[in-house]
Amino acid sequence: MKFRTALLGAAAAFVLAPAAHAERGADGEVKVFYYQAVSTLNAYLSSGTKDVEAGSLVLEPLAGFDQDGQLFPRLAQDIPTVENGGVSADLTSITWKLKEGLLWSDGTPVTSADVKFTYEYCTAPDGGCAQGAKYEGIASIDTPDDLTIVVNFAAPKPYPYQPFTGGTAPILQKAQFESCMGAAAASCVEQNSKPVGTGPFIVTDFKVNDVVTLEANPNYRDASKPAFGKVTIKGGGDALSAASAVMETGEFDYAWNTQINPDQQAQMEAGGKGSFVNAFGTLVERIEINMTDPSPALPEGERSTTKHPHPIFSDPNVRKAMSIAIDRQTLVDIGYGGAGRPTCNLVPAPAYQASDNTACLTQDLEGAKALLEQAGWTDTDGDGIRDKDGKKLSILYQTSVNAVRQDFQALIKGWWNEIGVEVELKSIDASVFFGGDAASPDTFQKFYADVEMYANNFDGTDAEPYMAQYLCDKIPGPENQWQGENINRFCDPAYDALVKELSTTSGIEARGELVKKLNDMLTKDSNIVIPLVDRGRFSAKSNTLDGFVMNSWDTELWNVQDWTRVK
């Protein structure tokens, strides 16, 4: 089988041309605002974007994705392909070569043993690795020498670039983390808070859910970088205050995820201190349906687990009614303006993977009511709330604290009320909601609600690992520290089989067709996931910050080593 696709051909050659720096640390301090405060710097213990992005300043993968979604080497010498001999002709293995002379921030050498250990760490039983889908299909890893890593797949892998690429799959130092395997992973506070890394910065202080302070890594592989000697990442507040801190007061240089409405955007940009930067990729604001019962009447350890199917949402007619009752264009208009587009897809891009799924774009309240009637939900007592078998059609709808999300909650609650659904709203501090703390009842992974709303995306342009997150064995639960990626507890053997087919299918177009089918299985066919808005990544940048390049395919901090202060 010949391995030639435009995606991989482009990936082989790209290396970012960095800006020239006179001296490491010469530009002083750069201040970054992540109002969703950082909870951990270990991406394997959190699905929260804010944790992955902050950790990327310290921990790096073998390769990253540039602003166009193309692979480029970080710790690796180059991108392996069939043409250069790095990918086997039968597509069952990929061989990575580490750059020579790489050092961890503690001065010890980076070796292939660290890379192999990272795989073992994430796949350890009872570990609850938040990024397990990145390592699907690996049979074994060989390390014939200190610089060589051979990843062997259980079957031909036409897209072999999932493991160890992008901000969600960084390399961990074996010496630091080898006592943190499996169930011990979450208890390694020092390691997860101050990881030894290869990135441009090292952690000097970390106040969980508050502030991360970092300084330039003296062992970073480019002696002239980073230009900034210190980074402060501040958490807390909200999107509006974060945007204001860059665009109005000038206190910060960059603010992530400034999710504010169009009027506020225009008002702030008029001040002239900064600009909003936007790029569309695969970030989708959506509602996830809980397929299990979150009732607090159930014993702890059984709530929101597969032991108890959801008493309302097990009926597909109810789920579809909830979806078609929503006016997505209105959500875009009040929440995002030009930074959003209504969508029915979980995977909106690249185009070859995007389904022509558009039916949900037309709001249909009467159709939603008819579906609920067919499902047996009627208003028997005339109070406006439907009931069935003595049970009210009543749900808890949760999301993180954010003005736009609270606007969305209010609007969607109104539409759902109109079709006879009683809705209780809950908003949770974003640092907690996306924090991944197994002991907290309020994380989005634990999902102690009927529906919840958030957005995330995937590294690069190939959706296979993203689709693999909805496999049956990725369901969060007490046995994996509530760290599985299958948030809504969806399980369909047919879906699992199609993901397996995707993993062995070559060619962009053929892979794209399978991704479309998987997308449709989760959305229009089942309404397990209710997509709302295709969101551009939207952040604020000071006019005094140079070198920043928005990236919707990896972390937004992907080229922080190239940031400089405008002279």
Protein backbone atom coordinates (compact mmCIF):
# COMPACT_ATOMS: atom_id res chain seq x y z
CA MET A 1 0.00 0.00 0.00
CA LYS A 2 1.52 3.30 -1.07
CA PHE A 3 1.46 6.01 1.59
CA ARG A 4 0.96 9.25 -0.28
CA THR A 5 -1.44 11.89 0.93
CA ALA A 6 -1.33 15.64 0.61
CA LEU A 7 -1.58 15.98 4.37
CA LEU A 8 1.48 13.90 5.14
CA GLY A 9 3.48 15.22 2.24
CA ALA A 10 3.02 18.74 3.51
CA ALA A 11 3.82 17.66 7.05
CA ALA A 12 7.27 16.44 6.16
CA ALA A 13 8.81 19.71 5.14
CA PHE A 14 7.54 22.51 7.34
CA VAL A 15 9.72 24.20 9.95
CA LEU A 16 8.72 27.55 11.42
CA ALA A 17 11.07 30.38 10.57
CA PRO A 18 11.64 32.02 13.96
CA ALA A 19 12.28 35.65 14.70
CA ALA A 20 15.85 36.53 15.59
CA HIS A 21 16.58 37.13 19.28
CA ALA A 22 19.57 38.97 20.62
CA GLU A 23 19.67 37.41 24.09
CA ARG A 24 17.66 34.99 26.19
CA GLY A 25 15.50 36.82 28.73
CA ALA A 26 16.35 40.30 27.41
CA ASP A 27 12.70 41.33 27.05
CA GLY A 28 11.82 40.87 30.70
CA GLU A 29 8.37 39.62 31.72
CA VAL A 30 5.36 38.69 29.63
CA LYS A 31 1.98 38.55 31.37
CA VAL A 32 -0.67 36.11 30.22
CA PHE A 33 -4.30 35.93 31.40
CA TYR A 34 -6.10 32.57 31.45
CA TYR A 35 -9.24 33.45 33.39
CA GLN A 36 -9.98 29.72 33.51
CA ALA A 37 -7.23 29.27 36.07
CA VAL A 38 -4.71 26.47 35.67
CA SER A 39 -5.23 23.37 37.83
CA THR A 40 -2.38 21.12 36.69
CA LEU A 41 0.52 21.31 34.26
CA ASN A 42 0.26 17.64 33.32
CA ALA A 43 -1.88 17.31 30.18
CA TYR A 44 -2.41 13.61 30.88
CA LEU A 45 -4.44 14.45 33.98
CA SER A 46 -6.76 17.07 32.49
CA SER A 47 -8.89 17.52 29.39
CA GLY A 48 -9.08 21.24 30.16
CA THR A 49 -7.57 23.36 27.39
CA LYS A 50 -6.21 25.88 29.90
CA ASP A 51 -4.17 23.14 31.63
CA VAL A 52 -2.87 21.69 28.35
CA GLU A 53 -1.85 25.13 27.09
CA ALA A 54 -0.10 26.26 30.27
CA GLY A 55 1.71 22.94 30.50
CA SER A 56 2.94 23.32 26.92
CA LEU A 57 5.35 26.05 28.06
CA VAL A 58 7.23 23.32 29.92
CA LEU A 59 6.39 19.94 28.38
CA GLU A 60 6.77 19.31 24.65
CA PRO A 61 5.84 16.54 22.19
CA LEU A 62 8.03 15.07 19.48
CA ALA A 63 6.21 17.22 16.92
CA GLY A 64 3.70 20.04 16.91
CA PHE A 65 1.20 21.53 14.47
CA ASP A 66 1.74 24.95 12.93
CA GLN A 67 -0.86 27.63 12.19
CA ASP A 68 -1.83 25.78 9.01
CA GLY A 69 -2.24 22.43 10.74
CA GLN A 70 0.99 21.01 9.32
CA LEU A 71 3.34 18.91 11.44
CA PHE A 72 6.76 20.29 12.31
CA PRO A 73 9.46 18.74 14.52
CA ARG A 74 9.96 19.84 18.11
CA LEU A 75 12.03 17.23 19.94
CA ALA A 76 12.28 15.08 16.83
CA GLN A 77 14.92 15.57 14.14
CA ASP A 78 12.32 15.49 11.37
CA ILE A 79 8.85 14.20 10.49
CA PRO A 80 8.99 10.50 9.52
CA THR A 81 7.33 9.50 6.24
CA VAL A 82 7.32 6.49 3.97
CA GLU A 83 9.43 8.48 1.53
CA ASN A 84 12.22 9.19 4.03
CA GLY A 85 12.07 5.72 5.55
CA GLY A 86 10.60 6.80 8.87
CA VAL A 87 7.26 5.05 8.27
CA SER A 88 7.36 1.41 7.25
CA ALA A 89 6.07 0.51 3.80
CA ASP A 90 3.35 -1.64 5.36
CA LEU A 91 2.35 1.25 7.68
CA THR A 92 2.73 -0.86 10.83
CA SER A 93 5.47 1.25 12.43
CA ILE A 94 6.85 4.77 12.65
CA THR A 95 10.40 5.56 13.72
CA TRP A 96 11.18 8.87 15.39
CA LYS A 97 14.69 10.21 15.97
CA LEU A 98 15.33 12.64 18.81
CA LYS A 99 17.48 15.69 18.19
CA GLU A 100 20.98 15.20 19.51
CA GLY A 101 22.00 16.95 22.72
CA LEU A 102 18.49 17.54 24.09
CA LEU A 103 18.44 18.25 27.81
CA TRP A 104 15.72 18.29 30.40
CA SER A 105 15.52 21.52 32.36
CA ASP A 106 17.42 19.79 35.20
CA GLY A 107 20.37 19.26 32.86
CA THR A 108 19.98 15.52 32.30
CA PRO A 109 19.74 14.10 28.76
CA VAL A 110 16.42 13.38 27.05
CA THR A 111 16.37 9.81 25.77
CA SER A 112 14.10 7.39 23.97
CA ALA A 113 13.37 5.79 27.35
CA ASP A 114 11.46 8.94 28.35
CA VAL A 115 9.29 8.69 25.24
CA LYS A 116 8.51 5.01 25.81
CA PHE A 117 7.78 5.73 29.47
CA THR A 118 5.26 8.41 28.47
CA TYR A 119 3.26 5.80 26.56
CA GLU A 120 3.46 3.41 29.52
CA TYR A 121 2.36 6.18 31.88
CA CYS A 122 -0.73 7.08 29.85
CA THR A 123 -1.78 3.47 29.27
CA ALA A 124 -1.16 2.21 32.82
CA PRO A 125 -4.20 0.47 34.35
CA ASP A 126 -6.27 2.62 36.74
CA GLY A 127 -4.38 5.73 35.69
CA GLY A 128 -7.27 7.58 34.09
CA CYS A 129 -5.15 9.18 31.36
CA ALA A 130 -7.10 12.12 29.94
CA GLN A 131 -5.43 11.72 26.54
CA GLY A 132 -5.68 7.96 26.11
CA ALA A 133 -7.15 8.22 22.61
CA LYS A 134 -3.78 9.52 21.36
CA TYR A 135 -2.24 6.12 22.02
CA GLU A 136 -4.89 3.87 20.49
CA GLY A 137 -3.65 0.98 18.37
CA ILE A 138 -0.07 0.74 19.66
CA ALA A 139 1.19 -2.83 20.04
CA SER A 140 4.64 -2.02 21.44
CA ILE A 141 7.42 0.58 21.47
CA ASP A 142 11.07 -0.29 20.87
CA THR A 143 14.06 1.88 21.81
CA PRO A 144 17.10 0.43 20.00
CA ASP A 145 19.27 3.35 21.12
CA ASP A 146 18.99 6.54 23.16
CA LEU A 147 17.76 8.62 20.23
CA THR A 148 15.47 6.16 18.42
CA ILE A 149 11.82 5.37 19.14
CA VAL A 150 10.01 2.75 17.06
CA VAL A 151 6.24 2.76 17.56
CA ASN A 152 4.73 -0.55 16.41
CA PHE A 153 1.02 -0.64 15.62
CA ALA A 154 -1.27 -3.63 15.97
CA ALA A 155 -2.48 -3.06 12.38
CA PRO A 156 -1.47 -0.81 9.46
CA LYS A 157 -1.83 2.80 10.56
CA PRO A 158 -2.28 5.14 7.58
CA TYR A 159 -2.13 8.16 9.88
CA PRO A 160 0.64 7.25 12.35
CA TYR A 161 1.07 10.73 13.83
CA GLN A 162 -1.26 10.49 16.81
CA PRO A 163 1.16 9.43 19.57
CA PHE A 164 3.55 12.07 20.92
CA THR A 165 2.30 14.94 18.72
CA GLY A 166 0.55 18.17 19.65
CA GLY A 167 0.07 19.85 23.00
CA THR A 168 -2.09 17.03 24.36
CA ALA A 169 0.67 14.41 24.02
CA PRO A 170 3.90 15.78 25.52
CA ILE A 171 6.91 13.75 26.69
CA LEU A 172 7.33 13.21 30.43
CA GLN A 173 10.66 12.66 32.17
CA LYS A 174 10.82 9.04 33.31
CA ALA A 175 13.02 9.82 36.31
CA GLN A 176 10.48 12.31 37.64
CA PHE A 177 7.27 10.42 36.95
CA GLU A 178 8.13 6.71 37.26
CA SER A 179 6.67 6.58 40.79
CA CYS A 180 3.43 8.14 39.50
CA MET A 181 2.03 5.29 37.45
CA GLY A 182 -1.58 4.14 37.42
CA ALA A 183 -3.71 5.07 40.41
CA ALA A 184 -0.80 7.04 41.92
CA ALA A 185 -0.79 9.58 39.06
CA ALA A 186 -3.14 12.15 40.58
CA SER A 187 -1.41 12.07 43.98
CA CYS A 188 1.97 13.20 42.57
CA VAL A 189 1.38 16.84 43.39
CA GLU A 190 4.98 18.03 43.02
CA GLN A 191 5.46 16.32 39.66
CA ASN A 192 2.17 17.57 38.24
CA SER A 193 2.75 21.10 39.49
CA LYS A 194 6.44 21.47 38.63
CA PRO A 195 7.23 19.04 35.82
CA VAL A 196 10.77 18.84 34.51
CA GLY A 197 10.49 19.70 30.83
CA THR A 198 12.24 20.59 27.60
CA GLY A 199 10.17 23.67 26.76
CA PRO A 200 11.34 27.29 26.80
CA PHE A 201 10.25 27.83 30.42
CA ILE A 202 10.44 26.17 33.84
CA VAL A 203 8.00 26.55 36.71
CA THR A 204 9.19 28.56 39.71
CA ASP A 205 5.88 28.80 41.55
CA PHE A 206 2.39 27.39 41.06
CA LYS A 207 -0.62 28.37 43.10
CA VAL A 208 -3.31 25.95 41.91
CA ASN A 209 -6.33 27.68 40.36
CA ASP A 210 -4.59 31.03 40.68
CA VAL A 211 -1.13 31.90 39.31
CA VAL A 212 1.69 30.10 37.52
CA THR A 213 5.11 31.78 37.49
CA LEU A 214 7.78 30.58 35.10
CA GLU A 215 11.28 31.63 34.07
CA ALA A 216 13.40 30.96 31.00
CA ASN A 217 14.75 27.40 30.84
CA PRO A 218 18.58 27.67 31.03
CA ASN A 219 18.86 24.35 29.16
CA TYR A 220 16.50 25.20 26.31
CA ARG A 221 17.94 23.95 23.03
CA ASP A 222 18.16 27.40 21.40
CA ALA A 223 20.60 29.50 23.42
CA SER A 224 19.09 32.79 22.24
CA LYS A 225 15.52 31.92 23.22
CA PRO A 226 13.10 32.69 24.76
CA ALA A 227 13.30 36.47 24.57
CA PHE A 228 11.20 36.78 27.74
CA GLY A 229 12.92 35.83 30.97
CA LYS A 230 9.69 35.40 32.93
CA VAL A 231 6.09 34.41 32.27
CA THR A 232 3.21 35.03 34.65
CA ILE A 233 -0.05 33.20 33.91
CA LYS A 234 -2.90 34.69 35.94
CA GLY A 235 -6.20 32.93 36.50
CA GLY A 236 -9.56 34.00 37.84
CA GLY A 237 -12.13 36.58 36.86
CA ASP A 238 -13.97 36.15 33.59
CA ALA A 239 -13.58 36.63 29.84
CA LEU A 240 -14.60 40.29 30.01
CA SER A 241 -12.06 41.21 32.68
CA ALA A 242 -9.37 39.22 30.85
CA ALA A 243 -10.03 41.06 27.59
CA SER A 244 -10.10 44.40 29.42
CA ALA A 245 -6.74 43.70 31.06
CA VAL A 246 -5.16 43.62 27.60
CA MET A 247 -7.34 45.90 25.52
CA GLU A 248 -8.17 48.68 28.01
CA THR A 249 -5.81 48.76 31.02
CA GLY A 250 -2.78 47.26 29.27
CA GLU A 251 -1.90 45.30 32.40
CA PHE A 252 -1.49 42.04 30.46
CA ASP A 253 0.08 41.16 27.12
CA TYR A 254 -2.20 38.34 26.06
CA ALA A 255 -5.58 37.02 27.19
CA TRP A 256 -6.83 33.62 26.09
CA ASN A 257 -10.38 32.78 25.04
CA THR A 258 -11.86 36.26 25.32
CA GLN A 259 -15.39 34.99 24.83
CA ILE A 260 -17.27 38.32 24.87
CA ASN A 261 -20.10 39.65 22.74
CA PRO A 262 -19.59 41.63 19.51
CA ASP A 263 -20.51 45.01 21.04
CA GLN A 264 -17.90 44.59 23.76
CA GLN A 265 -15.32 43.54 21.19
CA ALA A 266 -15.83 46.70 19.11
CA GLN A 267 -15.76 48.98 22.15
CA MET A 268 -12.48 47.55 23.40
CA GLU A 269 -10.71 47.57 20.04
CA ALA A 270 -11.49 51.27 19.70
CA GLY A 271 -9.10 51.94 22.59
CA GLY A 272 -6.07 51.17 20.44
CA LYS A 273 -4.06 49.23 23.03
CA GLY A 274 -4.45 45.84 21.41
CA SER A 275 -6.30 43.68 18.95
CA PHE A 276 -8.43 40.57 18.97
CA VAL A 277 -6.99 37.63 17.04
CA ASN A 278 -9.27 34.99 15.57
CA ALA A 279 -8.81 31.76 13.61
CA PHE A 280 -11.33 29.05 12.79
CA GLY A 281 -10.42 25.42 13.27
CA THR A 282 -12.29 22.63 15.03
CA LEU A 283 -13.48 24.37 18.20
CA VAL A 284 -17.21 23.69 18.66
CA GLU A 285 -19.43 24.98 21.46
CA ARG A 286 -21.87 22.18 22.12
CA ILE A 287 -24.26 20.49 24.51
CA GLU A 288 -23.37 16.99 25.65
CA ILE A 289 -26.23 14.69 26.66
CA ASN A 290 -25.64 12.47 29.68
CA MET A 291 -26.63 8.93 28.74
CA THR A 292 -26.42 7.84 32.39
CA ASP A 293 -28.44 8.83 35.44
CA PRO A 294 -26.81 11.63 37.50
CA SER A 295 -29.44 11.52 40.25
CA PRO A 296 -28.05 12.37 43.71
CA ALA A 297 -30.40 9.70 45.05
CA LEU A 298 -28.00 7.08 43.70
CA PRO A 299 -25.03 5.90 45.79
CA GLU A 300 -21.77 7.79 45.29
CA GLY A 301 -19.73 5.88 42.73
CA GLU A 302 -22.87 4.92 40.78
CA ARG A 303 -24.11 8.38 39.76
CA SER A 304 -23.41 9.10 36.09
CA THR A 305 -22.08 5.59 35.49
CA THR A 306 -23.18 2.92 33.05
CA LYS A 307 -24.83 1.03 35.91
CA HIS A 308 -27.84 3.34 35.52
CA PRO A 309 -29.09 4.49 32.07
CA HIS A 310 -30.59 7.97 31.92
CA PRO A 311 -34.35 7.81 32.61
CA ILE A 312 -35.18 10.54 30.07
CA PHE A 313 -32.42 10.72 27.48
CA SER A 314 -32.35 7.04 26.66
CA ASP A 315 -35.16 7.98 24.23
CA PRO A 316 -33.69 9.38 20.96
CA ASN A 317 -36.87 11.37 20.24
CA VAL A 318 -36.32 13.43 23.39
CA ARG A 319 -32.72 14.16 22.42
CA LYS A 320 -33.72 15.21 18.91
CA ALA A 321 -36.47 17.46 20.26
CA MET A 322 -33.94 19.22 22.48
CA SER A 323 -31.69 19.86 19.48
CA ILE A 324 -34.22 21.17 16.97
CA ALA A 325 -35.74 23.53 19.54
CA ILE A 326 -32.56 25.65 19.47
CA ASP A 327 -32.03 28.69 17.24
CA ARG A 328 -28.28 28.50 16.58
CA GLN A 329 -28.05 31.67 14.49
CA THR A 330 -29.43 33.71 17.38
CA LEU A 331 -26.74 32.20 19.63
CA VAL A 332 -24.05 33.30 17.17
CA ASP A 333 -25.52 36.79 16.86
CA ILE A 334 -25.64 37.49 20.59
CA GLY A 335 -22.48 35.63 21.56
CA TYR A 336 -19.85 35.74 18.83
CA GLY A 337 -20.67 37.82 15.79
CA GLY A 338 -17.98 37.22 13.17
CA ALA A 339 -16.07 34.93 15.54
CA GLY A 340 -18.73 32.21 15.32
CA ARG A 341 -20.80 30.22 12.83
CA PRO A 342 -23.85 28.05 13.53
CA THR A 343 -23.10 24.36 13.06
CA CYS A 344 -24.64 20.92 13.32
CA ASN A 345 -21.23 19.20 13.30
CA LEU A 346 -18.85 18.10 16.00
CA VAL A 347 -16.07 18.15 13.36
CA PRO A 348 -16.54 21.34 11.29
CA ALA A 349 -13.12 21.29 9.59
CA PRO A 350 -11.05 20.67 7.53
CA ALA A 351 -13.53 20.59 4.66
CA TYR A 352 -12.77 17.01 3.63
CA GLN A 353 -13.95 15.80 7.08
CA ALA A 354 -16.95 18.12 7.50
CA SER A 355 -20.37 16.51 7.01
CA ASP A 356 -23.08 18.26 4.99
CA ASN A 357 -25.18 17.99 8.13
CA THR A 358 -27.27 21.20 8.16
CA ALA A 359 -30.81 20.21 9.17
CA CYS A 360 -30.44 21.48 12.73
CA LEU A 361 -29.77 25.03 11.50
CA THR A 362 -33.53 25.57 11.15
CA GLN A 363 -35.26 25.90 14.50
CA ASP A 364 -38.42 23.79 14.70
CA LEU A 365 -40.32 24.25 17.95
CA GLU A 366 -43.50 22.60 16.67
CA GLY A 367 -41.52 19.62 15.42
CA ALA A 368 -39.85 19.35 18.83
CA LYS A 369 -43.22 19.32 20.57
CA ALA A 370 -44.48 16.61 18.22
CA LEU A 371 -41.44 14.44 18.97
CA LEU A 372 -42.05 14.71 22.71
CA GLU A 373 -45.69 13.80 22.19
CA GLN A 374 -44.61 10.70 20.24
CA ALA A 375 -42.27 9.81 23.08
CA GLY A 376 -45.20 9.90 25.51
CA TRP A 377 -44.33 13.15 27.26
CA THR A 378 -47.53 15.19 27.70
CA ASP A 379 -48.66 18.00 29.95
CA THR A 380 -51.27 16.11 31.97
CA ASP A 381 -51.75 18.68 34.73
CA GLY A 382 -51.61 21.87 32.65
CA ASP A 383 -48.59 23.43 34.35
CA GLY A 384 -46.62 23.74 31.10
CA ILE A 385 -44.18 20.97 32.03
CA ARG A 386 -44.54 17.61 30.33
CA ASP A 387 -44.65 14.41 32.33
CA LYS A 388 -44.66 10.69 31.74
CA ASP A 389 -45.40 7.82 34.12
CA GLY A 390 -45.54 10.26 37.01
CA LYS A 391 -42.12 11.80 36.25
CA LYS A 392 -41.65 15.45 35.19
CA LEU A 393 -39.57 16.28 32.12
CA SER A 394 -37.12 18.18 34.28
CA ILE A 395 -33.35 18.50 33.74
CA LEU A 396 -30.22 20.13 35.18
CA TYR A 397 -28.17 22.09 32.61
CA GLN A 398 -24.63 23.02 33.65
CA THR A 399 -21.68 24.87 32.17
CA SER A 400 -18.76 27.04 33.25
CA VAL A 401 -19.04 30.62 34.46
CA ASN A 402 -18.82 32.87 31.41
CA ALA A 403 -21.13 35.70 30.36
CA VAL A 404 -21.69 34.33 26.86
CA ARG A 405 -22.40 30.85 28.20
CA GLN A 406 -24.86 32.20 30.72
CA ASP A 407 -26.60 34.09 27.90
CA PHE A 408 -26.75 30.82 25.96
CA GLN A 409 -28.17 29.00 28.99
CA ALA A 410 -30.90 31.61 29.39
CA LEU A 411 -31.90 31.49 25.73
CA ILE A 412 -31.83 27.71 25.47
CA LYS A 413 -33.75 27.33 28.72
CA GLY A 414 -36.44 29.58 27.23
CA TRP A 415 -36.72 27.47 24.08
CA TRP A 416 -36.79 24.25 26.08
CA ASN A 417 -39.43 25.69 28.42
CA GLU A 418 -41.49 26.51 25.35
CA ILE A 419 -41.61 22.85 24.33
CA GLY A 420 -42.50 21.74 27.88
CA VAL A 421 -39.11 20.99 29.46
CA GLU A 422 -38.37 22.25 32.95
CA VAL A 423 -34.75 23.42 33.18
CA GLU A 424 -32.57 24.18 36.19
CA LEU A 425 -29.40 26.11 35.36
CA LYS A 426 -26.05 25.68 37.06
CA SER A 427 -22.82 27.56 36.37
CA ILE A 428 -19.51 26.37 37.82
CA ASP A 429 -16.22 28.21 38.15
CA ALA A 430 -14.24 27.32 35.03
CA SER A 431 -11.14 26.35 37.01
CA VAL A 432 -13.18 23.71 38.80
CA PHE A 433 -15.36 22.64 35.85
CA PHE A 434 -12.35 21.97 33.62
CA GLY A 435 -9.98 21.05 36.44
CA GLY A 436 -10.12 17.25 36.38
CA ASP A 437 -10.09 16.84 40.19
CA ALA A 438 -11.45 13.33 40.78
CA ALA A 439 -12.72 14.38 44.21
CA SER A 440 -14.81 17.28 42.92
CA PRO A 441 -18.50 16.75 42.09
CA ASP A 442 -18.42 19.66 39.63
CA THR A 443 -16.02 18.61 36.86
CA PHE A 444 -17.32 18.22 33.34
CA GLN A 445 -15.86 14.69 33.30
CA LYS A 446 -17.84 13.62 36.36
CA PHE A 447 -20.98 15.09 34.74
CA TYR A 448 -23.37 15.21 37.69
CA ALA A 449 -26.01 16.89 35.50
CA ASP A 450 -28.35 15.90 32.68
CA VAL A 451 -26.77 18.11 30.02
CA GLU A 452 -23.67 20.26 29.98
CA MET A 453 -22.17 22.79 27.60
CA TYR A 454 -18.56 23.48 26.69
CA ALA A 455 -16.17 23.56 23.74
CA ASN A 456 -12.97 21.76 22.83
CA ASN A 457 -11.06 20.70 19.74
CA PHE A 458 -8.29 18.37 18.60
CA ASP A 459 -4.61 18.69 17.71
CA GLY A 460 -3.78 18.92 14.02
CA THR A 461 -6.18 18.26 11.17
CA ASP A 462 -6.82 14.52 11.42
CA ALA A 463 -9.88 13.73 13.56
CA GLU A 464 -9.13 10.05 14.32
CA PRO A 465 -8.04 10.52 17.96
CA TYR A 466 -10.95 12.92 18.51
CA MET A 467 -13.43 10.35 17.23
CA ALA A 468 -11.73 7.68 19.34
CA GLN A 469 -12.67 9.63 22.47
CA TYR A 470 -16.22 8.29 22.09
CA LEU A 471 -15.18 4.62 22.23
CA CYS A 472 -16.92 2.47 24.83
CA ASP A 473 -13.70 1.99 26.81
CA LYS A 474 -13.14 5.76 27.18
CA ILE A 475 -16.09 6.35 29.53
CA PRO A 476 -15.14 8.22 32.75
CA GLY A 477 -15.87 6.52 36.03
CA PRO A 478 -14.49 5.94 39.52
CA GLU A 479 -12.32 3.10 38.23
CA ASN A 480 -10.27 5.50 36.04
CA GLN A 481 -10.24 8.55 38.33
CA TRP A 482 -13.09 10.07 36.22
CA GLN A 483 -10.56 10.88 33.49
CA GLY A 484 -12.05 9.13 30.45
CA GLU A 485 -12.73 11.21 27.34
CA ASN A 486 -16.19 9.78 26.50
CA ILE A 487 -17.94 12.45 28.54
CA ASN A 488 -21.54 11.50 27.74
CA ARG A 489 -21.07 7.75 28.36
CA PHE A 490 -22.07 6.87 24.78
CA CYS A 491 -21.42 3.25 23.80
CA ASP A 492 -22.20 1.72 20.41
CA PRO A 493 -20.31 -1.32 19.04
CA ALA A 494 -21.02 -0.10 15.50
CA TYR A 495 -19.31 3.19 16.33
CA ASP A 496 -16.32 1.38 17.81
CA ALA A 497 -16.05 -0.75 14.67
CA LEU A 498 -16.09 2.33 12.43
CA VAL A 499 -13.30 3.97 14.47
CA LYS A 500 -11.27 0.79 14.02
CA GLU A 501 -11.91 0.96 10.27
CA LEU A 502 -10.78 4.59 10.25
CA SER A 503 -7.54 3.64 11.97
CA THR A 504 -6.61 1.35 9.05
CA THR A 505 -7.95 3.45 6.16
CA SER A 506 -5.55 5.44 3.99
CA GLY A 507 -6.15 8.44 1.77
CA ILE A 508 -7.54 11.81 2.81
CA GLU A 509 -10.85 11.45 1.01
CA ALA A 510 -11.57 7.93 2.30
CA ARG A 511 -10.64 8.94 5.85
CA GLY A 512 -12.78 12.05 5.54
CA GLU A 513 -15.84 10.01 4.58
CA LEU A 514 -15.44 7.84 7.67
CA VAL A 515 -15.04 10.88 9.92
CA LYS A 516 -18.26 12.28 8.44
CA LYS A 517 -20.08 9.04 9.26
CA LEU A 518 -18.75 9.05 12.81
CA ASN A 519 -19.69 12.71 13.21
CA ASP A 520 -23.23 11.98 12.01
CA MET A 521 -23.57 9.01 14.37
CA LEU A 522 -22.88 11.32 17.30
CA THR A 523 -24.95 14.26 16.04
CA LYS A 524 -27.88 14.03 13.62
CA ASP A 525 -28.35 10.24 13.89
CA SER A 526 -28.48 10.12 17.68
CA ASN A 527 -28.20 13.69 19.07
CA ILE A 528 -25.85 12.41 21.75
CA VAL A 529 -23.89 15.58 21.01
CA ILE A 530 -25.79 18.77 20.14
CA PRO A 531 -23.39 21.14 18.33
CA LEU A 532 -24.22 24.82 18.57
CA VAL A 533 -21.48 27.13 17.32
CA ASP A 534 -18.34 26.64 15.25
CA ARG A 535 -16.17 28.98 17.29
CA GLY A 536 -13.06 30.66 16.09
CA ARG A 537 -10.27 30.77 18.62
CA PHE A 538 -10.63 34.32 19.84
CA SER A 539 -8.07 35.96 22.10
CA ALA A 540 -6.65 39.41 22.85
CA LYS A 541 -3.09 40.55 22.14
CA SER A 542 -1.33 43.71 23.22
CA ASN A 543 0.16 45.95 20.53
CA THR A 544 3.45 45.74 22.44
CA LEU A 545 3.71 41.98 21.90
CA ASP A 546 5.37 40.76 18.72
CA GLY A 547 5.79 37.28 17.27
CA PHE A 548 2.41 35.95 18.35
CA VAL A 549 0.80 33.74 15.68
CA MET A 550 -2.72 32.44 16.31
CA ASN A 551 -2.95 28.66 15.98
CA SER A 552 -6.27 26.80 15.94
CA TRP A 553 -4.64 23.36 15.41
CA ASP A 554 -2.41 23.18 18.52
CA THR A 555 -2.02 25.32 21.63
CA GLU A 556 -2.23 29.09 21.30
CA LEU A 557 1.11 29.27 23.13
CA TRP A 558 2.72 27.04 20.49
CA ASN A 559 5.42 29.58 19.50
CA VAL A 560 5.92 31.42 22.80
CA GLN A 561 9.67 30.93 22.40
CA ASP A 562 9.46 33.38 19.48
CA TRP A 563 7.49 36.10 21.26
CA THR A 564 9.28 39.41 21.72
CA ARG A 565 8.56 42.87 23.09
CA VAL A 566 8.00 45.55 20.46
CA LYS A 567 10.97 47.91 20.72
